[in-house]
Amino acid sequence: MTEAIEERTTTKTDQWRERLAEQERSGLTVKRFCEERGITQYSLYAWRKRLREQGPVRFALVERGRVRQEPASAPGLELILVSGVRLRIGAGVDGATLRTVLDVLRT
């Protein structure tokens, strides 16, 4: 049931995002655009404000699975972030993956 609500909200958000882009491309005034589409100006302005406040979406992909233990003899690196979080980086880590993780942590 929660998935259905989230999907509906996402769909509605996408619809309003497209409507707002369409209004900007149309060159019509907000009043005229809303009259032609049968929507209220209040709704258009409310959605514009809501979508501006959301800001960009940021996420990091985390794959769940079996944790692989590095051999004790393998040299590695441990970063301790300002927040106190420790990030242990094994010797065989993929460089592109490490750059992606570090980019996410910087934001």
PDB file of N, CA and C in Angstrom:
ATOM      1  N   MET A   1       0.825  -1.191   0.000  1.00  0.00           N
ATOM      2  CA  MET A   1       0.000   0.000   0.000  1.00  0.00           C
ATOM      3  C   MET A   1       0.872   1.259   0.000  1.00  0.00           C
ATOM      4  N   THR A   2       1.965   1.241   0.766  1.00  0.00           N
ATOM      5  CA  THR A   2       2.860   2.388   0.796  1.00  0.00           C
ATOM      6  C   THR A   2       3.478   2.626  -0.569  1.00  0.00           C
ATOM      7  N   GLU A   3       3.834   1.549  -1.277  1.00  0.00           N
ATOM      8  CA  GLU A   3       4.408   1.684  -2.609  1.00  0.00           C
ATOM      9  C   GLU A   3       3.424   2.361  -3.560  1.00  0.00           C
ATOM     10  N   ALA A   4       2.143   2.013  -3.442  1.00  0.00           N
ATOM     11  CA  ALA A   4       1.132   2.618  -4.300  1.00  0.00           C
ATOM     12  C   ALA A   4       1.028   4.113  -4.043  1.00  0.00           C
ATOM     13  N   ILE A   5       1.090   4.515  -2.785  1.00  0.00           N
ATOM     14  CA  ILE A   5       1.024   5.940  -2.428  1.00  0.00           C
ATOM     15  C   ILE A   5       2.257   6.657  -2.958  1.00  0.00           C
ATOM     16  N   GLU A   6       3.445   6.054  -2.778  1.00  0.00           N
ATOM     17  CA  GLU A   6       4.668   6.683  -3.265  1.00  0.00           C
ATOM     18  C   GLU A   6       4.649   6.802  -4.781  1.00  0.00           C
ATOM     19  N   GLU A   7       4.162   5.766  -5.466  1.00  0.00           N
ATOM     20  CA  GLU A   7       4.102   5.793  -6.927  1.00  0.00           C
ATOM     21  C   GLU A   7       3.147   6.882  -7.393  1.00  0.00           C
ATOM     22  N   ARG A   8       1.997   7.011  -6.709  1.00  0.00           N
ATOM     23  CA  ARG A   8       1.028   8.033  -7.071  1.00  0.00           C
ATOM     24  C   ARG A   8       1.625   9.422  -6.864  1.00  0.00           C
ATOM     25  N   THR A   9       2.326   9.616  -5.747  1.00  0.00           N
ATOM     26  CA  THR A   9       2.941  10.904  -5.461  1.00  0.00           C
ATOM     27  C   THR A   9       4.008  11.231  -6.494  1.00  0.00           C
ATOM     28  N   THR A  10       4.827  10.245  -6.832  1.00  0.00           N
ATOM     29  CA  THR A  10       5.868  10.454  -7.832  1.00  0.00           C
ATOM     30  C   THR A  10       5.244  10.800  -9.174  1.00  0.00           C
ATOM     31  N   THR A  11       4.210  10.083  -9.541  1.00  0.00           N
ATOM     32  CA  THR A  11       3.534  10.349 -10.805  1.00  0.00           C
ATOM     33  C   THR A  11       2.964  11.762 -10.802  1.00  0.00           C
ATOM     34  N   LYS A  12       2.335  12.153  -9.718  1.00  0.00           N
ATOM     35  CA  LYS A  12       1.757  13.492  -9.607  1.00  0.00           C
ATOM     36  C   LYS A  12       2.861  14.551  -9.669  1.00  0.00           C
ATOM     37  N   THR A  13       3.958  14.287  -8.977  1.00  0.00           N
ATOM     38  CA  THR A  13       5.091  15.213  -8.998  1.00  0.00           C
ATOM     39  C   THR A  13       5.632  15.351 -10.413  1.00  0.00           C
ATOM     40  N   ASP A  14       5.783  14.233 -11.101  1.00  0.00           N
ATOM     41  CA  ASP A  14       6.273  14.265 -12.480  1.00  0.00           C
ATOM     42  C   ASP A  14       5.313  15.022 -13.389  1.00  0.00           C
ATOM     43  N   GLN A  15       4.004  14.812 -13.181  1.00  0.00           N
ATOM     44  CA  GLN A  15       3.010  15.511 -13.991  1.00  0.00           C
ATOM     45  C   GLN A  15       3.117  17.021 -13.793  1.00  0.00           C
ATOM     46  N   TRP A  16       3.258  17.443 -12.545  1.00  0.00           N
ATOM     47  CA  TRP A  16       3.350  18.874 -12.278  1.00  0.00           C
ATOM     48  C   TRP A  16       4.673  19.457 -12.766  1.00  0.00           C
ATOM     49  N   ARG A  17       5.718  18.686 -12.674  1.00  0.00           N
ATOM     50  CA  ARG A  17       7.007  19.138 -13.194  1.00  0.00           C
ATOM     51  C   ARG A  17       6.886  19.396 -14.708  1.00  0.00           C
ATOM     52  N   GLU A  18       6.211  18.484 -15.403  1.00  0.00           N
ATOM     53  CA  GLU A  18       6.014  18.636 -16.841  1.00  0.00           C
ATOM     54  C   GLU A  18       5.084  19.817 -17.149  1.00  0.00           C
ATOM     55  N   ARG A  19       4.026  19.976 -16.361  1.00  0.00           N
ATOM     56  CA  ARG A  19       3.109  21.113 -16.579  1.00  0.00           C
ATOM     57  C   ARG A  19       3.852  22.437 -16.430  1.00  0.00           C
ATOM     58  N   LEU A  20       4.680  22.541 -15.403  1.00  0.00           N
ATOM     59  CA  LEU A  20       5.423  23.780 -15.172  1.00  0.00           C
ATOM     60  C   LEU A  20       6.388  24.062 -16.321  1.00  0.00           C
ATOM     61  N   ALA A  21       7.050  23.025 -16.801  1.00  0.00           N
ATOM     62  CA  ALA A  21       7.963  23.201 -17.936  1.00  0.00           C
ATOM     63  C   ALA A  21       7.173  23.605 -19.180  1.00  0.00           C
ATOM     64  N   GLU A  22       6.019  22.985 -19.359  1.00  0.00           N
ATOM     65  CA  GLU A  22       5.170  23.309 -20.513  1.00  0.00           C
ATOM     66  C   GLU A  22       4.710  24.762 -20.456  1.00  0.00           C
ATOM     67  N   GLN A  23       4.345  25.231 -19.284  1.00  0.00           N
ATOM     68  CA  GLN A  23       3.896  26.619 -19.138  1.00  0.00           C
ATOM     69  C   GLN A  23       5.029  27.578 -19.492  1.00  0.00           C
ATOM     70  N   GLU A  24       6.233  27.277 -19.033  1.00  0.00           N
ATOM     71  CA  GLU A  24       7.368  28.148 -19.333  1.00  0.00           C
ATOM     72  C   GLU A  24       7.671  28.164 -20.827  1.00  0.00           C
ATOM     73  N   ARG A  25       7.573  27.006 -21.478  1.00  0.00           N
ATOM     74  CA  ARG A  25       7.840  26.927 -22.925  1.00  0.00           C
ATOM     75  C   ARG A  25       6.746  27.597 -23.749  1.00  0.00           C
ATOM     76  N   SER A  26       5.521  27.604 -23.214  1.00  0.00           N
ATOM     77  CA  SER A  26       4.375  28.082 -24.001  1.00  0.00           C
ATOM     78  C   SER A  26       4.402  29.579 -24.287  1.00  0.00           C
ATOM     79  N   GLY A  27       5.013  30.342 -23.404  1.00  0.00           N
ATOM     80  CA  GLY A  27       5.008  31.793 -23.574  1.00  0.00           C
ATOM     81  C   GLY A  27       3.695  32.427 -23.121  1.00  0.00           C
ATOM     82  N   LEU A  28       2.749  31.600 -22.659  1.00  0.00           N
ATOM     83  CA  LEU A  28       1.467  32.106 -22.163  1.00  0.00           C
ATOM     84  C   LEU A  28       1.615  32.608 -20.739  1.00  0.00           C
ATOM     85  N   THR A  29       0.730  33.515 -20.360  1.00  0.00           N
ATOM     86  CA  THR A  29       0.696  33.923 -18.962  1.00  0.00           C
ATOM     87  C   THR A  29       0.196  32.746 -18.136  1.00  0.00           C
ATOM     88  N   VAL A  30       0.486  32.788 -16.852  1.00  0.00           N
ATOM     89  CA  VAL A  30       0.021  31.716 -15.966  1.00  0.00           C
ATOM     90  C   VAL A  30      -1.494  31.644 -16.000  1.00  0.00           C
ATOM     91  N   LYS A  31      -2.143  32.790 -15.971  1.00  0.00           N
ATOM     92  CA  LYS A  31      -3.601  32.828 -15.980  1.00  0.00           C
ATOM     93  C   LYS A  31      -4.151  32.138 -17.226  1.00  0.00           C
ATOM     94  N   ARG A  32      -3.633  32.509 -18.377  1.00  0.00           N
ATOM     95  CA  ARG A  32      -4.129  31.950 -19.643  1.00  0.00           C
ATOM     96  C   ARG A  32      -3.838  30.444 -19.735  1.00  0.00           C
ATOM     97  N   PHE A  33      -2.629  30.067 -19.359  1.00  0.00           N
ATOM     98  CA  PHE A  33      -2.234  28.656 -19.393  1.00  0.00           C
ATOM     99  C   PHE A  33      -3.163  27.822 -18.515  1.00  0.00           C
ATOM    100  N   CYS A  34      -3.430  28.307 -17.309  1.00  0.00           N
ATOM    101  CA  CYS A  34      -4.294  27.573 -16.381  1.00  0.00           C
ATOM    102  C   CYS A  34      -5.728  27.487 -16.897  1.00  0.00           C
ATOM    103  N   GLU A  35      -6.228  28.564 -17.472  1.00  0.00           N
ATOM    104  CA  GLU A  35      -7.581  28.544 -18.040  1.00  0.00           C
ATOM    105  C   GLU A  35      -7.691  27.499 -19.139  1.00  0.00           C
ATOM    106  N   GLU A  36      -6.685  27.453 -20.013  1.00  0.00           N
ATOM    107  CA  GLU A  36      -6.712  26.502 -21.126  1.00  0.00           C
ATOM    108  C   GLU A  36      -6.603  25.046 -20.655  1.00  0.00           C
ATOM    109  N   ARG A  37      -5.928  24.820 -19.537  1.00  0.00           N
ATOM    110  CA  ARG A  37      -5.725  23.454 -19.039  1.00  0.00           C
ATOM    111  C   ARG A  37      -6.744  23.042 -17.978  1.00  0.00           C
ATOM    112  N   GLY A  38      -7.552  23.998 -17.535  1.00  0.00           N
ATOM    113  CA  GLY A  38      -8.560  23.685 -16.517  1.00  0.00           C
ATOM    114  C   GLY A  38      -7.965  23.447 -15.135  1.00  0.00           C
ATOM    115  N   ILE A  39      -6.872  24.142 -14.836  1.00  0.00           N
ATOM    116  CA  ILE A  39      -6.271  24.039 -13.504  1.00  0.00           C
ATOM    117  C   ILE A  39      -6.263  25.412 -12.860  1.00  0.00           C
ATOM    118  N   THR A  40      -6.140  25.441 -11.562  1.00  0.00           N
ATOM    119  CA  THR A  40      -6.161  26.730 -10.871  1.00  0.00           C
ATOM    120  C   THR A  40      -4.753  27.314 -10.808  1.00  0.00           C
ATOM    121  N   GLN A  41      -4.707  28.631 -10.812  1.00  0.00           N
ATOM    122  CA  GLN A  41      -3.422  29.311 -10.666  1.00  0.00           C
ATOM    123  C   GLN A  41      -2.796  28.968  -9.316  1.00  0.00           C
ATOM    124  N   TYR A  42      -3.636  28.853  -8.307  1.00  0.00           N
ATOM    125  CA  TYR A  42      -3.157  28.513  -6.969  1.00  0.00           C
ATOM    126  C   TYR A  42      -2.388  27.189  -7.007  1.00  0.00           C
ATOM    127  N   SER A  43      -2.951  26.183  -7.682  1.00  0.00           N
ATOM    128  CA  SER A  43      -2.286  24.877  -7.768  1.00  0.00           C
ATOM    129  C   SER A  43      -0.944  24.988  -8.468  1.00  0.00           C
ATOM    130  N   LEU A  44      -0.910  25.724  -9.563  1.00  0.00           N
ATOM    131  CA  LEU A  44       0.329  25.867 -10.310  1.00  0.00           C
ATOM    132  C   LEU A  44       1.405  26.529  -9.449  1.00  0.00           C
ATOM    133  N   TYR A  45       1.050  27.626  -8.783  1.00  0.00           N
ATOM    134  CA  TYR A  45       2.032  28.314  -7.945  1.00  0.00           C
ATOM    135  C   TYR A  45       2.444  27.460  -6.742  1.00  0.00           C
ATOM    136  N   ALA A  46       1.501  26.737  -6.166  1.00  0.00           N
ATOM    137  CA  ALA A  46       1.819  25.884  -5.013  1.00  0.00           C
ATOM    138  C   ALA A  46       2.786  24.776  -5.420  1.00  0.00           C
ATOM    139  N   TRP A  47       2.555  24.159  -6.564  1.00  0.00           N
ATOM    140  CA  TRP A  47       3.454  23.103  -7.038  1.00  0.00           C
ATOM    141  C   TRP A  47       4.810  23.672  -7.433  1.00  0.00           C
ATOM    142  N   ARG A  48       4.826  24.834  -8.026  1.00  0.00           N
ATOM    143  CA  ARG A  48       6.104  25.463  -8.379  1.00  0.00           C
ATOM    144  C   ARG A  48       6.941  25.672  -7.116  1.00  0.00           C
ATOM    145  N   LYS A  49       6.302  26.174  -6.083  1.00  0.00           N
ATOM    146  CA  LYS A  49       7.011  26.402  -4.822  1.00  0.00           C
ATOM    147  C   LYS A  49       7.484  25.074  -4.222  1.00  0.00           C
ATOM    148  N   ARG A  50       6.620  24.073  -4.205  1.00  0.00           N
ATOM    149  CA  ARG A  50       6.961  22.776  -3.625  1.00  0.00           C
ATOM    150  C   ARG A  50       8.162  22.151  -4.333  1.00  0.00           C
ATOM    151  N   LEU A  51       8.152  22.217  -5.660  1.00  0.00           N
ATOM    152  CA  LEU A  51       9.241  21.598  -6.421  1.00  0.00           C
ATOM    153  C   LEU A  51      10.547  22.370  -6.285  1.00  0.00           C
ATOM    154  N   ARG A  52      10.476  23.670  -6.133  1.00  0.00           N
ATOM    155  CA  ARG A  52      11.695  24.461  -5.914  1.00  0.00           C
ATOM    156  C   ARG A  52      12.301  24.150  -4.552  1.00  0.00           C
ATOM    157  N   GLU A  53      11.465  23.933  -3.551  1.00  0.00           N
ATOM    158  CA  GLU A  53      11.954  23.665  -2.203  1.00  0.00           C
ATOM    159  C   GLU A  53      12.565  22.276  -2.074  1.00  0.00           C
ATOM    160  N   GLN A  54      12.167  21.347  -2.941  1.00  0.00           N
ATOM    161  CA  GLN A  54      12.697  19.989  -2.863  1.00  0.00           C
ATOM    162  C   GLN A  54      14.181  19.951  -3.177  1.00  0.00           C
ATOM    163  N   GLY A  55      14.624  20.752  -4.095  1.00  0.00           N
ATOM    164  CA  GLY A  55      16.029  20.750  -4.472  1.00  0.00           C
ATOM    165  C   GLY A  55      16.410  19.486  -5.216  1.00  0.00           C
ATOM    166  N   PRO A  56      17.680  19.372  -5.530  1.00  0.00           N
ATOM    167  CA  PRO A  56      18.119  18.197  -6.279  1.00  0.00           C
ATOM    168  C   PRO A  56      18.072  16.942  -5.415  1.00  0.00           C
ATOM    169  N   VAL A  57      17.845  15.851  -6.065  1.00  0.00           N
ATOM    170  CA  VAL A  57      17.804  14.563  -5.381  1.00  0.00           C
ATOM    171  C   VAL A  57      19.213  14.000  -5.364  1.00  0.00           C
ATOM    172  N   ARG A  58      19.657  13.576  -4.188  1.00  0.00           N
ATOM    173  CA  ARG A  58      20.978  12.978  -4.059  1.00  0.00           C
ATOM    174  C   ARG A  58      20.833  11.619  -3.417  1.00  0.00           C
ATOM    175  N   PHE A  59      21.549  10.677  -3.948  1.00  0.00           N
ATOM    176  CA  PHE A  59      21.517   9.344  -3.365  1.00  0.00           C
ATOM    177  C   PHE A  59      22.814   8.628  -3.692  1.00  0.00           C
ATOM    178  N   ALA A  60      23.050   7.578  -2.957  1.00  0.00           N
ATOM    179  CA  ALA A  60      24.199   6.720  -3.221  1.00  0.00           C
ATOM    180  C   ALA A  60      23.692   5.292  -3.309  1.00  0.00           C
ATOM    181  N   LEU A  61      24.174   4.568  -4.280  1.00  0.00           N
ATOM    182  CA  LEU A  61      23.790   3.182  -4.445  1.00  0.00           C
ATOM    183  C   LEU A  61      24.596   2.328  -3.472  1.00  0.00           C
ATOM    184  N   VAL A  62      23.891   1.571  -2.686  1.00  0.00           N
ATOM    185  CA  VAL A  62      24.547   0.673  -1.745  1.00  0.00           C
ATOM    186  C   VAL A  62      24.073  -0.733  -2.056  1.00  0.00           C
ATOM    187  N   GLU A  63      25.003  -1.571  -2.426  1.00  0.00           N
ATOM    188  CA  GLU A  63      24.653  -2.947  -2.734  1.00  0.00           C
ATOM    189  C   GLU A  63      24.726  -3.776  -1.458  1.00  0.00           C
ATOM    190  N   ARG A  64      23.648  -4.504  -1.210  1.00  0.00           N
ATOM    191  CA  ARG A  64      23.631  -5.373  -0.044  1.00  0.00           C
ATOM    192  C   ARG A  64      24.077  -6.756  -0.476  1.00  0.00           C
ATOM    193  N   GLY A  65      24.764  -7.390   0.372  1.00  0.00           N
ATOM    194  CA  GLY A  65      25.214  -8.726   0.040  1.00  0.00           C
ATOM    195  C   GLY A  65      26.184  -9.206   1.097  1.00  0.00           C
ATOM    196  N   ARG A  66      26.825 -10.253   0.765  1.00  0.00           N
ATOM    197  CA  ARG A  66      27.781 -10.839   1.683  1.00  0.00           C
ATOM    198  C   ARG A  66      28.967  -9.908   1.871  1.00  0.00           C
ATOM    199  N   VAL A  67      29.359  -9.688   3.104  1.00  0.00           N
ATOM    200  CA  VAL A  67      30.513  -8.849   3.410  1.00  0.00           C
ATOM    201  C   VAL A  67      31.772  -9.676   3.211  1.00  0.00           C
ATOM    202  N   ARG A  68      32.660  -9.158   2.379  1.00  0.00           N
ATOM    203  CA  ARG A  68      33.908  -9.860   2.119  1.00  0.00           C
ATOM    204  C   ARG A  68      34.992  -9.320   3.040  1.00  0.00           C
ATOM    205  N   GLN A  69      35.597 -10.169   3.789  1.00  0.00           N
ATOM    206  CA  GLN A  69      36.656  -9.762   4.708  1.00  0.00           C
ATOM    207  C   GLN A  69      37.989  -9.715   3.961  1.00  0.00           C
ATOM    208  N   GLU A  70      38.705  -8.629   4.129  1.00  0.00           N
ATOM    209  CA  GLU A  70      40.039  -8.513   3.551  1.00  0.00           C
ATOM    210  C   GLU A  70      41.009  -9.306   4.417  1.00  0.00           C
ATOM    211  N   PRO A  71      41.966  -9.933   3.804  1.00  0.00           N
ATOM    212  CA  PRO A  71      42.976 -10.625   4.605  1.00  0.00           C
ATOM    213  C   PRO A  71      43.683  -9.636   5.526  1.00  0.00           C
ATOM    214  N   ALA A  72      44.063 -10.096   6.700  1.00  0.00           N
ATOM    215  CA  ALA A  72      44.693  -9.229   7.701  1.00  0.00           C
ATOM    216  C   ALA A  72      45.991  -8.629   7.188  1.00  0.00           C
ATOM    217  N   SER A  73      46.670  -9.301   6.283  1.00  0.00           N
ATOM    218  CA  SER A  73      47.960  -8.814   5.812  1.00  0.00           C
ATOM    219  C   SER A  73      47.826  -7.772   4.697  1.00  0.00           C
ATOM    220  N   ALA A  74      46.639  -7.633   4.101  1.00  0.00           N
ATOM    221  CA  ALA A  74      46.462  -6.687   2.999  1.00  0.00           C
ATOM    222  C   ALA A  74      46.465  -5.260   3.528  1.00  0.00           C
ATOM    223  N   PRO A  75      47.377  -4.434   3.007  1.00  0.00           N
ATOM    224  CA  PRO A  75      47.384  -3.045   3.476  1.00  0.00           C
ATOM    225  C   PRO A  75      46.140  -2.315   2.986  1.00  0.00           C
ATOM    226  N   GLY A  76      45.701  -1.385   3.744  1.00  0.00           N
ATOM    227  CA  GLY A  76      44.515  -0.633   3.371  1.00  0.00           C
ATOM    228  C   GLY A  76      44.613   0.788   3.883  1.00  0.00           C
ATOM    229  N   LEU A  77      43.507   1.464   3.789  1.00  0.00           N
ATOM    230  CA  LEU A  77      43.451   2.858   4.198  1.00  0.00           C
ATOM    231  C   LEU A  77      42.190   3.056   5.021  1.00  0.00           C
ATOM    232  N   GLU A  78      42.282   3.858   6.056  1.00  0.00           N
ATOM    233  CA  GLU A  78      41.105   4.166   6.856  1.00  0.00           C
ATOM    234  C   GLU A  78      40.962   5.677   6.931  1.00  0.00           C
ATOM    235  N   LEU A  79      39.815   6.183   6.479  1.00  0.00           N
ATOM    236  CA  LEU A  79      39.514   7.608   6.580  1.00  0.00           C
ATOM    237  C   LEU A  79      38.587   7.812   7.762  1.00  0.00           C
ATOM    238  N   ILE A  80      38.877   8.803   8.566  1.00  0.00           N
ATOM    239  CA  ILE A  80      37.994   9.147   9.678  1.00  0.00           C
ATOM    240  C   ILE A  80      37.414  10.516   9.352  1.00  0.00           C
ATOM    241  N   LEU A  81      36.114  10.544   9.134  1.00  0.00           N
ATOM    242  CA  LEU A  81      35.437  11.778   8.750  1.00  0.00           C
ATOM    243  C   LEU A  81      35.211  12.664   9.957  1.00  0.00           C
ATOM    244  N   VAL A  82      34.935  13.920   9.726  1.00  0.00           N
ATOM    245  CA  VAL A  82      34.690  14.886  10.793  1.00  0.00           C
ATOM    246  C   VAL A  82      33.569  14.414  11.717  1.00  0.00           C
ATOM    247  N   SER A  83      32.594  13.732  11.146  1.00  0.00           N
ATOM    248  CA  SER A  83      31.454  13.234  11.925  1.00  0.00           C
ATOM    249  C   SER A  83      31.829  12.065  12.820  1.00  0.00           C
ATOM    250  N   GLY A  84      33.054  11.534  12.652  1.00  0.00           N
ATOM    251  CA  GLY A  84      33.476  10.385  13.435  1.00  0.00           C
ATOM    252  C   GLY A  84      33.289   9.067  12.713  1.00  0.00           C
ATOM    253  N   VAL A  85      32.652   9.098  11.573  1.00  0.00           N
ATOM    254  CA  VAL A  85      32.429   7.883  10.783  1.00  0.00           C
ATOM    255  C   VAL A  85      33.769   7.430  10.206  1.00  0.00           C
ATOM    256  N   ARG A  86      34.015   6.121  10.270  1.00  0.00           N
ATOM    257  CA  ARG A  86      35.256   5.560   9.723  1.00  0.00           C
ATOM    258  C   ARG A  86      34.951   4.861   8.413  1.00  0.00           C
ATOM    259  N   LEU A  87      35.770   5.132   7.436  1.00  0.00           N
ATOM    260  CA  LEU A  87      35.630   4.510   6.126  1.00  0.00           C
ATOM    261  C   LEU A  87      36.890   3.702   5.876  1.00  0.00           C
ATOM    262  N   ARG A  88      36.738   2.384   5.868  1.00  0.00           N
ATOM    263  CA  ARG A  88      37.885   1.502   5.626  1.00  0.00           C
ATOM    264  C   ARG A  88      37.908   1.113   4.149  1.00  0.00           C
ATOM    265  N   ILE A  89      39.048   1.336   3.527  1.00  0.00           N
ATOM    266  CA  ILE A  89      39.196   1.087   2.105  1.00  0.00           C
ATOM    267  C   ILE A  89      40.238  -0.011   1.929  1.00  0.00           C
ATOM    268  N   GLY A  90      39.802  -1.113   1.350  1.00  0.00           N
ATOM    269  CA  GLY A  90      40.697  -2.248   1.136  1.00  0.00           C
ATOM    270  C   GLY A  90      41.666  -2.008  -0.005  1.00  0.00           C
ATOM    271  N   ALA A  91      42.701  -2.812  -0.059  1.00  0.00           N
ATOM    272  CA  ALA A  91      43.756  -2.651  -1.056  1.00  0.00           C
ATOM    273  C   ALA A  91      43.254  -2.860  -2.480  1.00  0.00           C
ATOM    274  N   GLY A  92      42.259  -3.713  -2.688  1.00  0.00           N
ATOM    275  CA  GLY A  92      41.816  -4.022  -4.037  1.00  0.00           C
ATOM    276  C   GLY A  92      40.613  -3.231  -4.509  1.00  0.00           C
ATOM    277  N   VAL A  93      40.330  -2.100  -3.902  1.00  0.00           N
ATOM    278  CA  VAL A  93      39.139  -1.343  -4.259  1.00  0.00           C
ATOM    279  C   VAL A  93      39.280  -0.750  -5.665  1.00  0.00           C
ATOM    280  N   ASP A  94      38.183  -0.733  -6.386  1.00  0.00           N
ATOM    281  CA  ASP A  94      38.131  -0.146  -7.718  1.00  0.00           C
ATOM    282  C   ASP A  94      38.213   1.373  -7.604  1.00  0.00           C
ATOM    283  N   GLY A  95      39.097   1.983  -8.371  1.00  0.00           N
ATOM    284  CA  GLY A  95      39.307   3.434  -8.297  1.00  0.00           C
ATOM    285  C   GLY A  95      38.067   4.243  -8.624  1.00  0.00           C
ATOM    286  N   ALA A  96      37.302   3.818  -9.628  1.00  0.00           N
ATOM    287  CA  ALA A  96      36.088   4.555 -10.022  1.00  0.00           C
ATOM    288  C   ALA A  96      35.051   4.505  -8.901  1.00  0.00           C
ATOM    289  N   THR A  97      34.923   3.354  -8.278  1.00  0.00           N
ATOM    290  CA  THR A  97      33.969   3.220  -7.169  1.00  0.00           C
ATOM    291  C   THR A  97      34.375   4.114  -6.008  1.00  0.00           C
ATOM    292  N   LEU A  98      35.665   4.119  -5.691  1.00  0.00           N
ATOM    293  CA  LEU A  98      36.156   4.962  -4.600  1.00  0.00           C
ATOM    294  C   LEU A  98      35.907   6.435  -4.890  1.00  0.00           C
ATOM    295  N   ARG A  99      36.137   6.877  -6.137  1.00  0.00           N
ATOM    296  CA  ARG A  99      35.871   8.276  -6.498  1.00  0.00           C
ATOM    297  C   ARG A  99      34.393   8.611  -6.331  1.00  0.00           C
ATOM    298  N   THR A 100      33.520   7.697  -6.722  1.00  0.00           N
ATOM    299  CA  THR A 100      32.078   7.919  -6.590  1.00  0.00           C
ATOM    300  C   THR A 100      31.694   8.077  -5.129  1.00  0.00           C
ATOM    301  N   VAL A 101      32.212   7.191  -4.283  1.00  0.00           N
ATOM    302  CA  VAL A 101      31.905   7.269  -2.850  1.00  0.00           C
ATOM    303  C   VAL A 101      32.412   8.570  -2.261  1.00  0.00           C
ATOM    304  N   LEU A 102      33.623   8.958  -2.589  1.00  0.00           N
ATOM    305  CA  LEU A 102      34.188  10.206  -2.060  1.00  0.00           C
ATOM    306  C   LEU A 102      33.423  11.426  -2.562  1.00  0.00           C
ATOM    307  N   ASP A 103      32.984  11.403  -3.813  1.00  0.00           N
ATOM    308  CA  ASP A 103      32.168  12.509  -4.336  1.00  0.00           C
ATOM    309  C   ASP A 103      30.865  12.642  -3.566  1.00  0.00           C
ATOM    310  N   VAL A 104      30.239  11.523  -3.241  1.00  0.00           N
ATOM    311  CA  VAL A 104      28.987  11.551  -2.470  1.00  0.00           C
ATOM    312  C   VAL A 104      29.235  12.099  -1.069  1.00  0.00           C
ATOM    313  N   LEU A 105      30.327  11.722  -0.460  1.00  0.00           N
ATOM    314  CA  LEU A 105      30.639  12.187   0.880  1.00  0.00           C
ATOM    315  C   LEU A 105      30.954  13.669   0.920  1.00  0.00           C
ATOM    316  N   ARG A 106      31.459  14.221  -0.158  1.00  0.00           N
ATOM    317  CA  ARG A 106      31.796  15.659  -0.192  1.00  0.00           C
ATOM    318  C   ARG A 106      30.556  16.538  -0.233  1.00  0.00           C
ATOM    319  N   THR A 107      29.425  15.994  -0.740  1.00  0.00           N
ATOM    320  CA  THR A 107      28.219  16.820  -0.890  1.00  0.00           C
ATOM    321  C   THR A 107      27.405  16.846   0.352  1.00  0.00           C
TER     322      THR A 107
END
